[in-house]
């Protein structure tokens, strides 16, 4: 979907944006990334999730090791999902913005502030800003098909990716996230976690 002088919103992490800053996002990822195809799922549950649950229940003697293994599985699963999404995008939906080379945005200030509140509580060591951004370029609205982390195989993630990239941009469903490539200009700093920390 083409955007012209459209205002959307972002939680920027460790960027220290100023009003008037401009950024250009361009889809130019051409790397060949392959991954082994095997399941990350046991009886419909992601293995990394099961690992964390087992560690919490004290089933394994070495909880720290179990948490580390679960985290490694989770990171690999996330990487596998993103590679599947990128391969399908390049093969069948090349005009869509790459998730590796885009700006992630939200439609409303309210939604963005909610995300800001979650992030500042979860990772308070980072610097977060809620910014209004004026956009000229191409956007992809993620609505009725969000790929979670089911812990499936690479080929199954590719099947889910086809639904993700092929979804209807005019759907009445609530927008979950927006991927953007093109020219972005910061037009307003709405919230800044550094200023908030100084006040508290």
C-alpha atoms as a PDB file:
ATOM      1  CA  UNK A   1       0.000   0.000   0.000  1.00  0.00           C
ATOM      2  CA  UNK A   2       1.374   3.400  -1.013  1.00  0.00           C
ATOM      3  CA  UNK A   3       1.757   6.033   1.695  1.00  0.00           C
ATOM      4  CA  UNK A   4       2.137   9.764   1.029  1.00  0.00           C
ATOM      5  CA  UNK A   5       2.762  12.157   3.921  1.00  0.00           C
ATOM      6  CA  UNK A   6       1.062   9.636   6.201  1.00  0.00           C
ATOM      7  CA  UNK A   7       1.595   9.911   9.965  1.00  0.00           C
ATOM      8  CA  UNK A   8       2.126   6.654  11.886  1.00  0.00           C
ATOM      9  CA  UNK A   9       3.843   5.845  15.183  1.00  0.00           C
ATOM     10  CA  UNK A  10       6.787   3.859  16.486  1.00  0.00           C
ATOM     11  CA  UNK A  11       8.458   2.860  19.742  1.00  0.00           C
ATOM     12  CA  UNK A  12      12.081   3.615  18.846  1.00  0.00           C
ATOM     13  CA  UNK A  13      14.729   1.691  20.827  1.00  0.00           C
ATOM     14  CA  UNK A  14      18.118   3.284  21.601  1.00  0.00           C
ATOM     15  CA  UNK A  15      17.880   5.703  18.672  1.00  0.00           C
ATOM     16  CA  UNK A  16      17.783   9.137  20.372  1.00  0.00           C
ATOM     17  CA  UNK A  17      15.681  10.637  17.585  1.00  0.00           C
ATOM     18  CA  UNK A  18      15.226  14.388  17.217  1.00  0.00           C
ATOM     19  CA  UNK A  19      12.375  16.138  15.406  1.00  0.00           C
ATOM     20  CA  UNK A  20      13.406  16.581  11.771  1.00  0.00           C
ATOM     21  CA  UNK A  21      15.584  13.424  11.620  1.00  0.00           C
ATOM     22  CA  UNK A  22      15.097  11.534   8.356  1.00  0.00           C
ATOM     23  CA  UNK A  23      15.718   7.854   7.597  1.00  0.00           C
ATOM     24  CA  UNK A  24      15.490   5.904   4.370  1.00  0.00           C
ATOM     25  CA  UNK A  25      14.437   2.250   4.504  1.00  0.00           C
ATOM     26  CA  UNK A  26      15.035   0.200   1.388  1.00  0.00           C
ATOM     27  CA  UNK A  27      14.477  -3.482   0.666  1.00  0.00           C
ATOM     28  CA  UNK A  28      17.898  -4.625  -0.484  1.00  0.00           C
ATOM     29  CA  UNK A  29      18.434  -7.876   1.395  1.00  0.00           C
ATOM     30  CA  UNK A  30      19.743 -10.414  -1.111  1.00  0.00           C
ATOM     31  CA  UNK A  31      21.500 -12.901   1.150  1.00  0.00           C
ATOM     32  CA  UNK A  32      20.929 -16.611   0.776  1.00  0.00           C
ATOM     33  CA  UNK A  33      20.059 -18.017   4.198  1.00  0.00           C
ATOM     34  CA  UNK A  34      19.259 -21.704   4.597  1.00  0.00           C
ATOM     35  CA  UNK A  35      18.223 -23.617   7.649  1.00  0.00           C
ATOM     36  CA  UNK A  36      17.728 -27.291   8.526  1.00  0.00           C
ATOM     37  CA  UNK A  37      14.163 -28.545   8.392  1.00  0.00           C
ATOM     38  CA  UNK A  38      13.152 -30.260  11.619  1.00  0.00           C
ATOM     39  CA  UNK A  39      10.399 -29.915  14.191  1.00  0.00           C
ATOM     40  CA  UNK A  40      10.539 -27.606  17.206  1.00  0.00           C
ATOM     41  CA  UNK A  41       7.298 -28.980  18.527  1.00  0.00           C
ATOM     42  CA  UNK A  42       6.206 -31.771  20.852  1.00  0.00           C
ATOM     43  CA  UNK A  43       2.494 -32.686  20.883  1.00  0.00           C
ATOM     44  CA  UNK A  44       1.558 -29.235  19.612  1.00  0.00           C
ATOM     45  CA  UNK A  45       3.737 -27.336  22.118  1.00  0.00           C
ATOM     46  CA  UNK A  46       6.956 -25.459  21.227  1.00  0.00           C
ATOM     47  CA  UNK A  47       9.983 -27.179  22.767  1.00  0.00           C
ATOM     48  CA  UNK A  48      11.396 -23.933  24.163  1.00  0.00           C
ATOM     49  CA  UNK A  49       8.133 -23.346  26.033  1.00  0.00           C
ATOM     50  CA  UNK A  50       8.130 -26.867  27.423  1.00  0.00           C
ATOM     51  CA  UNK A  51      11.738 -26.421  28.529  1.00  0.00           C
ATOM     52  CA  UNK A  52      10.923 -23.275  30.517  1.00  0.00           C
ATOM     53  CA  UNK A  53       7.874 -24.944  32.100  1.00  0.00           C
ATOM     54  CA  UNK A  54       9.943 -27.976  33.106  1.00  0.00           C
ATOM     55  CA  UNK A  55      12.635 -25.780  34.643  1.00  0.00           C
ATOM     56  CA  UNK A  56      10.044 -23.820  36.620  1.00  0.00           C
ATOM     57  CA  UNK A  57       8.497 -27.045  37.943  1.00  0.00           C
ATOM     58  CA  UNK A  58      11.919 -28.221  39.075  1.00  0.00           C
ATOM     59  CA  UNK A  59      11.781 -31.405  36.991  1.00  0.00           C
ATOM     60  CA  UNK A  60      15.443 -31.038  36.044  1.00  0.00           C
ATOM     61  CA  UNK A  61      18.226 -30.700  38.605  1.00  0.00           C
ATOM     62  CA  UNK A  62      20.158 -28.081  36.650  1.00  0.00           C
ATOM     63  CA  UNK A  63      17.565 -25.334  36.110  1.00  0.00           C
ATOM     64  CA  UNK A  64      20.120 -22.850  34.744  1.00  0.00           C
ATOM     65  CA  UNK A  65      21.173 -25.280  32.027  1.00  0.00           C
ATOM     66  CA  UNK A  66      17.527 -25.974  31.142  1.00  0.00           C
ATOM     67  CA  UNK A  67      16.781 -22.261  30.855  1.00  0.00           C
ATOM     68  CA  UNK A  68      19.830 -21.788  28.617  1.00  0.00           C
ATOM     69  CA  UNK A  69      18.779 -24.691  26.384  1.00  0.00           C
ATOM     70  CA  UNK A  70      15.209 -23.372  26.169  1.00  0.00           C
ATOM     71  CA  UNK A  71      16.486 -19.919  25.285  1.00  0.00           C
ATOM     72  CA  UNK A  72      18.757 -21.348  22.559  1.00  0.00           C
ATOM     73  CA  UNK A  73      15.855 -23.334  21.094  1.00  0.00           C
ATOM     74  CA  UNK A  74      13.644 -20.264  21.216  1.00  0.00           C
ATOM     75  CA  UNK A  75      16.212 -18.091  19.436  1.00  0.00           C
ATOM     76  CA  UNK A  76      16.748 -20.720  16.755  1.00  0.00           C
ATOM     77  CA  UNK A  77      12.991 -21.077  16.259  1.00  0.00           C
ATOM     78  CA  UNK A  78      12.630 -17.295  15.869  1.00  0.00           C
ATOM     79  CA  UNK A  79      15.480 -17.230  13.341  1.00  0.00           C
ATOM     80  CA  UNK A  80      13.919 -20.140  11.425  1.00  0.00           C
ATOM     81  CA  UNK A  81      10.561 -18.323  11.253  1.00  0.00           C
ATOM     82  CA  UNK A  82      12.125 -15.095   9.985  1.00  0.00           C
ATOM     83  CA  UNK A  83      14.189 -16.881   7.316  1.00  0.00           C
ATOM     84  CA  UNK A  84      11.066 -18.712   6.112  1.00  0.00           C
ATOM     85  CA  UNK A  85       9.181 -15.396   5.907  1.00  0.00           C
ATOM     86  CA  UNK A  86      12.031 -13.788   3.959  1.00  0.00           C
ATOM     87  CA  UNK A  87      12.435 -16.671   1.502  1.00  0.00           C
ATOM     88  CA  UNK A  88       8.716 -16.706   0.678  1.00  0.00           C
ATOM     89  CA  UNK A  89       8.619 -12.919   0.363  1.00  0.00           C
ATOM     90  CA  UNK A  90      11.517 -12.910  -2.128  1.00  0.00           C
ATOM     91  CA  UNK A  91      10.099 -15.846  -4.116  1.00  0.00           C
ATOM     92  CA  UNK A  92       6.419 -14.871  -4.310  1.00  0.00           C
ATOM     93  CA  UNK A  93       5.828 -11.382  -2.853  1.00  0.00           C
ATOM     94  CA  UNK A  94       8.919  -9.326  -3.822  1.00  0.00           C
ATOM     95  CA  UNK A  95       7.078  -5.987  -3.602  1.00  0.00           C
ATOM     96  CA  UNK A  96       6.376  -6.463   0.117  1.00  0.00           C
ATOM     97  CA  UNK A  97       8.793  -4.797   2.579  1.00  0.00           C
ATOM     98  CA  UNK A  98      11.450  -7.125   3.973  1.00  0.00           C
ATOM     99  CA  UNK A  99      11.113  -7.707   7.709  1.00  0.00           C
ATOM    100  CA  UNK A 100      14.924  -7.477   7.830  1.00  0.00           C
ATOM    101  CA  UNK A 101      15.071  -4.012   6.232  1.00  0.00           C
ATOM    102  CA  UNK A 102      11.925  -2.157   7.248  1.00  0.00           C
ATOM    103  CA  UNK A 103      10.558   0.233   9.857  1.00  0.00           C
ATOM    104  CA  UNK A 104       7.962  -1.304  12.205  1.00  0.00           C
ATOM    105  CA  UNK A 105       5.042   1.008  13.002  1.00  0.00           C
ATOM    106  CA  UNK A 106       1.634   1.176  14.674  1.00  0.00           C
ATOM    107  CA  UNK A 107      -1.527   2.936  13.535  1.00  0.00           C
ATOM    108  CA  UNK A 108      -2.471   4.770  16.730  1.00  0.00           C
ATOM    109  CA  UNK A 109      -0.748   6.736  19.479  1.00  0.00           C
ATOM    110  CA  UNK A 110      -2.687   4.770  22.119  1.00  0.00           C
ATOM    111  CA  UNK A 111      -1.442   1.399  20.866  1.00  0.00           C
ATOM    112  CA  UNK A 112       2.122   2.698  20.616  1.00  0.00           C
ATOM    113  CA  UNK A 113       2.073   4.086  24.166  1.00  0.00           C
ATOM    114  CA  UNK A 114       0.840   0.705  25.453  1.00  0.00           C
ATOM    115  CA  UNK A 115       3.797  -0.965  23.735  1.00  0.00           C
ATOM    116  CA  UNK A 116       6.124   1.707  25.190  1.00  0.00           C
ATOM    117  CA  UNK A 117       4.835   1.005  28.717  1.00  0.00           C
ATOM    118  CA  UNK A 118       5.428  -2.738  28.324  1.00  0.00           C
ATOM    119  CA  UNK A 119       8.935  -2.268  26.927  1.00  0.00           C
ATOM    120  CA  UNK A 120      10.072   0.299  29.511  1.00  0.00           C
ATOM    121  CA  UNK A 121       8.988  -2.042  32.313  1.00  0.00           C
ATOM    122  CA  UNK A 122      10.459  -5.174  30.767  1.00  0.00           C
ATOM    123  CA  UNK A 123      13.804  -3.697  29.659  1.00  0.00           C
ATOM    124  CA  UNK A 124      14.254  -0.418  31.593  1.00  0.00           C
ATOM    125  CA  UNK A 125      17.950  -0.222  30.730  1.00  0.00           C
ATOM    126  CA  UNK A 126      17.113   0.699  27.114  1.00  0.00           C
ATOM    127  CA  UNK A 127      16.193   4.170  25.839  1.00  0.00           C
ATOM    128  CA  UNK A 128      12.694   4.226  24.333  1.00  0.00           C
ATOM    129  CA  UNK A 129      10.877   6.989  22.491  1.00  0.00           C
ATOM    130  CA  UNK A 130       7.327   7.127  21.166  1.00  0.00           C
ATOM    131  CA  UNK A 131       7.654   9.034  17.903  1.00  0.00           C
ATOM    132  CA  UNK A 132       5.260  10.273  15.240  1.00  0.00           C
ATOM    133  CA  UNK A 133       6.692   9.620  11.787  1.00  0.00           C
ATOM    134  CA  UNK A 134       5.727  11.150   8.428  1.00  0.00           C
ATOM    135  CA  UNK A 135       6.032   8.493   5.729  1.00  0.00           C
ATOM    136  CA  UNK A 136       6.380   8.403   1.954  1.00  0.00           C
ATOM    137  CA  UNK A 137       6.795   4.932   0.519  1.00  0.00           C
ATOM    138  CA  UNK A 138       5.302   1.461   0.649  1.00  0.00           C
ATOM    139  CA  UNK A 139       3.634  -0.186   3.660  1.00  0.00           C
ATOM    140  CA  UNK A 140       2.390  -3.681   4.428  1.00  0.00           C
ATOM    141  CA  UNK A 141      -0.425  -3.893   6.990  1.00  0.00           C
ATOM    142  CA  UNK A 142      -0.419  -7.099   9.055  1.00  0.00           C
ATOM    143  CA  UNK A 143      -4.025  -7.777   9.967  1.00  0.00           C
ATOM    144  CA  UNK A 144      -5.706 -11.166   9.971  1.00  0.00           C
ATOM    145  CA  UNK A 145      -2.657 -13.413   9.701  1.00  0.00           C
ATOM    146  CA  UNK A 146       0.043 -13.038  12.329  1.00  0.00           C
ATOM    147  CA  UNK A 147       2.643 -15.797  12.532  1.00  0.00           C
ATOM    148  CA  UNK A 148       3.305 -16.615  16.146  1.00  0.00           C
ATOM    149  CA  UNK A 149       5.912 -19.016  17.476  1.00  0.00           C
ATOM    150  CA  UNK A 150       4.274 -22.451  17.120  1.00  0.00           C
ATOM    151  CA  UNK A 151       7.657 -24.183  17.004  1.00  0.00           C
ATOM    152  CA  UNK A 152       6.977 -25.972  13.720  1.00  0.00           C
ATOM    153  CA  UNK A 153       9.365 -27.042  10.967  1.00  0.00           C
ATOM    154  CA  UNK A 154      10.933 -24.700   8.431  1.00  0.00           C
ATOM    155  CA  UNK A 155       8.639 -25.963   5.649  1.00  0.00           C
ATOM    156  CA  UNK A 156       5.596 -25.398   7.835  1.00  0.00           C
ATOM    157  CA  UNK A 157       6.773 -21.866   8.583  1.00  0.00           C
ATOM    158  CA  UNK A 158       7.031 -21.336   4.815  1.00  0.00           C
ATOM    159  CA  UNK A 159       3.399 -22.430   4.434  1.00  0.00           C
ATOM    160  CA  UNK A 160       2.362 -19.963   7.137  1.00  0.00           C
ATOM    161  CA  UNK A 161       4.481 -17.294   5.442  1.00  0.00           C
ATOM    162  CA  UNK A 162       2.445 -17.610   2.218  1.00  0.00           C
ATOM    163  CA  UNK A 163      -0.715 -16.781   4.172  1.00  0.00           C
ATOM    164  CA  UNK A 164       1.056 -13.949   5.982  1.00  0.00           C
ATOM    165  CA  UNK A 165       2.372 -12.191   2.851  1.00  0.00           C
ATOM    166  CA  UNK A 166      -0.786 -12.919   0.836  1.00  0.00           C
ATOM    167  CA  UNK A 167      -3.243 -11.461   3.326  1.00  0.00           C
ATOM    168  CA  UNK A 168      -5.860  -8.921   2.273  1.00  0.00           C
ATOM    169  CA  UNK A 169      -4.625  -5.365   2.823  1.00  0.00           C
ATOM    170  CA  UNK A 170      -8.201  -4.062   2.886  1.00  0.00           C
ATOM    171  CA  UNK A 171      -9.339  -6.420   5.628  1.00  0.00           C
ATOM    172  CA  UNK A 172     -11.542  -4.899   8.337  1.00  0.00           C
ATOM    173  CA  UNK A 173      -9.474  -6.695  10.980  1.00  0.00           C
ATOM    174  CA  UNK A 174      -7.521  -4.567  13.455  1.00  0.00           C
ATOM    175  CA  UNK A 175      -3.968  -3.848  12.272  1.00  0.00           C
ATOM    176  CA  UNK A 176      -1.388  -5.797  14.315  1.00  0.00           C
ATOM    177  CA  UNK A 177       1.764  -4.187  12.874  1.00  0.00           C
ATOM    178  CA  UNK A 178       2.909  -2.206   9.850  1.00  0.00           C
ATOM    179  CA  UNK A 179       6.086  -2.812   7.852  1.00  0.00           C
ATOM    180  CA  UNK A 180       7.359   0.217   5.926  1.00  0.00           C
ATOM    181  CA  UNK A 181      10.049   0.981   3.338  1.00  0.00           C
ATOM    182  CA  UNK A 182      10.717   4.418   1.920  1.00  0.00           C
ATOM    183  CA  UNK A 183      11.388   7.837   3.447  1.00  0.00           C
ATOM    184  CA  UNK A 184      10.537   8.523   7.090  1.00  0.00           C
ATOM    185  CA  UNK A 185      10.749  11.838   8.943  1.00  0.00           C
ATOM    186  CA  UNK A 186      10.406  12.211  12.728  1.00  0.00           C
ATOM    187  CA  UNK A 187       7.787  14.929  13.263  1.00  0.00           C
ATOM    188  CA  UNK A 188       7.112  14.623  17.003  1.00  0.00           C
ATOM    189  CA  UNK A 189       8.619  13.016  20.119  1.00  0.00           C
ATOM    190  CA  UNK A 190       5.565  11.983  22.143  1.00  0.00           C
ATOM    191  CA  UNK A 191       7.282  10.145  25.014  1.00  0.00           C
ATOM    192  CA  UNK A 192      10.896   9.638  26.027  1.00  0.00           C
ATOM    193  CA  UNK A 193      11.927   7.105  28.673  1.00  0.00           C
ATOM    194  CA  UNK A 194      15.092   9.067  29.565  1.00  0.00           C
ATOM    195  CA  UNK A 195      12.993  12.125  30.473  1.00  0.00           C
ATOM    196  CA  UNK A 196      10.553   9.887  32.384  1.00  0.00           C
ATOM    197  CA  UNK A 197      13.391   8.324  34.415  1.00  0.00           C
ATOM    198  CA  UNK A 198      14.720  11.788  35.300  1.00  0.00           C
ATOM    199  CA  UNK A 199      11.298  12.832  36.581  1.00  0.00           C
ATOM    200  CA  UNK A 200      10.806   9.746  38.782  1.00  0.00           C
END
